[in-house]
Protein backbone atom coordinates (compact mmCIF):
# COMPACT_ATOMS: atom_id res chain seq x y z
CA MET A 1 -2.68 -1.73 -6.96
CA ASN A 2 1.04 -3.93 -7.04
CA ASN A 3 1.67 -6.95 -7.24
CA TRP A 4 3.14 -8.27 -3.69
CA THR A 5 5.39 -11.49 -2.89
CA ILE A 6 4.38 -14.36 -0.38
CA GLU A 7 6.58 -12.73 2.10
CA GLN A 8 4.79 -9.46 2.30
CA ILE A 9 1.12 -10.86 2.67
CA ASN A 10 2.27 -13.18 5.15
CA SER A 11 3.42 -10.28 7.03
CA VAL A 12 0.14 -7.83 6.71
CA ILE A 13 -2.11 -11.41 7.55
CA SER A 14 0.03 -12.00 10.72
CA GLU A 15 0.09 -8.27 12.06
CA GLU A 16 -3.70 -8.58 12.41
CA LYS A 17 -4.37 -5.05 11.23
CA GLU A 18 -8.27 -3.75 11.81
CA GLN A 19 -7.81 -2.30 8.61
CA ALA A 20 -8.71 -4.46 6.06
CA PHE A 21 -6.67 -6.18 3.86
CA LEU A 22 -7.89 -7.33 0.21
CA LEU A 23 -5.91 -9.28 -1.48
CA TYR A 24 -6.56 -10.23 -5.50
CA LEU A 25 -5.52 -13.55 -7.32
CA TYR A 26 -5.27 -13.86 -10.96
CA THR A 27 -3.78 -15.36 -13.81
CA PRO A 28 -2.29 -13.37 -16.35
CA LEU A 29 -3.81 -14.80 -19.41
CA CYS A 30 -7.52 -14.61 -17.89
CA GLY A 31 -9.84 -12.74 -19.68
CA THR A 32 -12.15 -12.35 -16.66
CA CYS A 33 -9.48 -11.09 -14.22
CA GLN A 34 -8.55 -8.45 -16.56
CA VAL A 35 -12.02 -7.32 -16.22
CA ALA A 36 -11.80 -7.84 -12.57
CA SER A 37 -8.37 -5.79 -11.97
CA LYS A 38 -9.56 -2.82 -13.93
CA MET A 39 -12.71 -2.76 -11.93
CA LEU A 40 -10.66 -2.98 -8.57
CA THR A 41 -8.06 -0.57 -9.27
CA VAL A 42 -11.52 2.02 -9.57
CA VAL A 43 -12.87 0.82 -6.17
CA GLU A 44 -9.31 1.25 -4.44
CA ALA A 45 -9.26 4.84 -5.43
CA MET A 46 -12.45 4.67 -3.81
CA VAL A 47 -11.85 2.93 -0.30
CA LYS A 48 -9.64 4.97 1.86
CA ASN A 49 -9.67 2.84 4.64
CA GLY A 50 -7.75 -0.90 3.02
CA VAL A 51 -4.65 -2.26 1.78
CA PHE A 52 -4.78 -3.60 -1.99
CA ALA A 53 -2.61 -5.81 -3.27
CA LYS A 54 -3.08 -8.38 -6.24
CA MET A 55 -0.87 -11.51 -6.48
CA ASP A 56 -0.34 -14.05 -9.73
CA LEU A 57 -1.51 -17.16 -8.62
CA ASN A 58 0.80 -19.40 -11.08
CA TYR A 59 3.71 -18.51 -9.17
CA TYR A 60 1.95 -19.21 -5.22
CA PRO A 61 0.18 -22.71 -5.97
CA ALA A 62 0.44 -23.17 -2.06
CA LEU A 63 -1.43 -20.12 -1.45
CA ALA A 64 -4.12 -21.38 -3.69
CA GLU A 65 -4.36 -24.46 -1.73
CA LYS A 66 -4.17 -22.61 2.09
CA TYR A 67 -7.22 -20.74 1.49
CA GLU A 68 -9.24 -23.55 -0.68
CA VAL A 69 -8.93 -21.10 -3.98
CA GLU A 70 -11.60 -22.62 -6.28
CA SER A 71 -10.77 -20.29 -9.44
CA VAL A 72 -9.37 -16.62 -10.77
CA PRO A 73 -10.24 -13.99 -10.28
CA CYS A 74 -10.56 -14.22 -6.70
CA LEU A 75 -10.52 -11.68 -4.50
CA LEU A 76 -9.52 -12.59 -0.46
CA ILE A 77 -10.73 -10.37 2.22
CA PHE A 78 -8.68 -9.92 5.49
CA LYS A 79 -10.04 -8.52 8.50
CA GLY A 80 -8.20 -8.69 11.62
CA GLY A 81 -5.24 -11.34 10.38
CA ASN A 82 -8.38 -13.70 9.42
CA LEU A 83 -10.00 -14.58 6.36
CA ALA A 84 -13.25 -13.18 6.26
CA GLU A 85 -14.70 -13.66 2.59
CA LYS A 86 -13.70 -15.15 -1.03
CA LYS A 87 -15.39 -13.25 -3.23
CA TYR A 88 -15.42 -15.07 -7.32
CA ALA A 89 -18.08 -12.99 -9.11
CA PHE A 90 -17.03 -9.28 -9.11
CA HIS A 91 -20.55 -8.41 -10.92
CA SER A 92 -19.93 -4.98 -11.20
CA VAL A 93 -18.07 -1.79 -9.51
CA PRO A 94 -21.10 -0.57 -7.54
CA TYR A 95 -21.58 -4.23 -6.03
CA LEU A 96 -17.57 -4.88 -5.63
CA LEU A 97 -17.64 -1.25 -3.49
CA GLU A 98 -20.55 -2.31 -1.54
CA GLU A 99 -19.40 -5.83 -0.55
CA ILE A 100 -15.69 -4.21 0.21
CA GLN A 101 -17.23 -1.29 2.77
CA LYS A 102 -18.68 -4.42 4.88
CA TYR A 103 -14.90 -4.51 5.99
CA THR A 104 -13.82 -0.74 6.02
């Protein structure tokens, strides 16, 4: 999962593809974010029909405001160009996989 720019993210969202787009928002000093990142790396390897991206929210506060992000870690799930769901509680790899597979 690579860090993306705001331009790349806006481009993928505006394409309105049926493929799920999963945007992981984090801050580098957040310990919970580090654990969540490792969990998502495992999930990304298991999910074939999704585009995963991550973004350091420190650099994009306007994005947090636009999508009303309340805290990090946060996973924004887009489907068809629209925000379908926000996830704050990552629980476990099996839980994340199940939740993401609803959109892939």
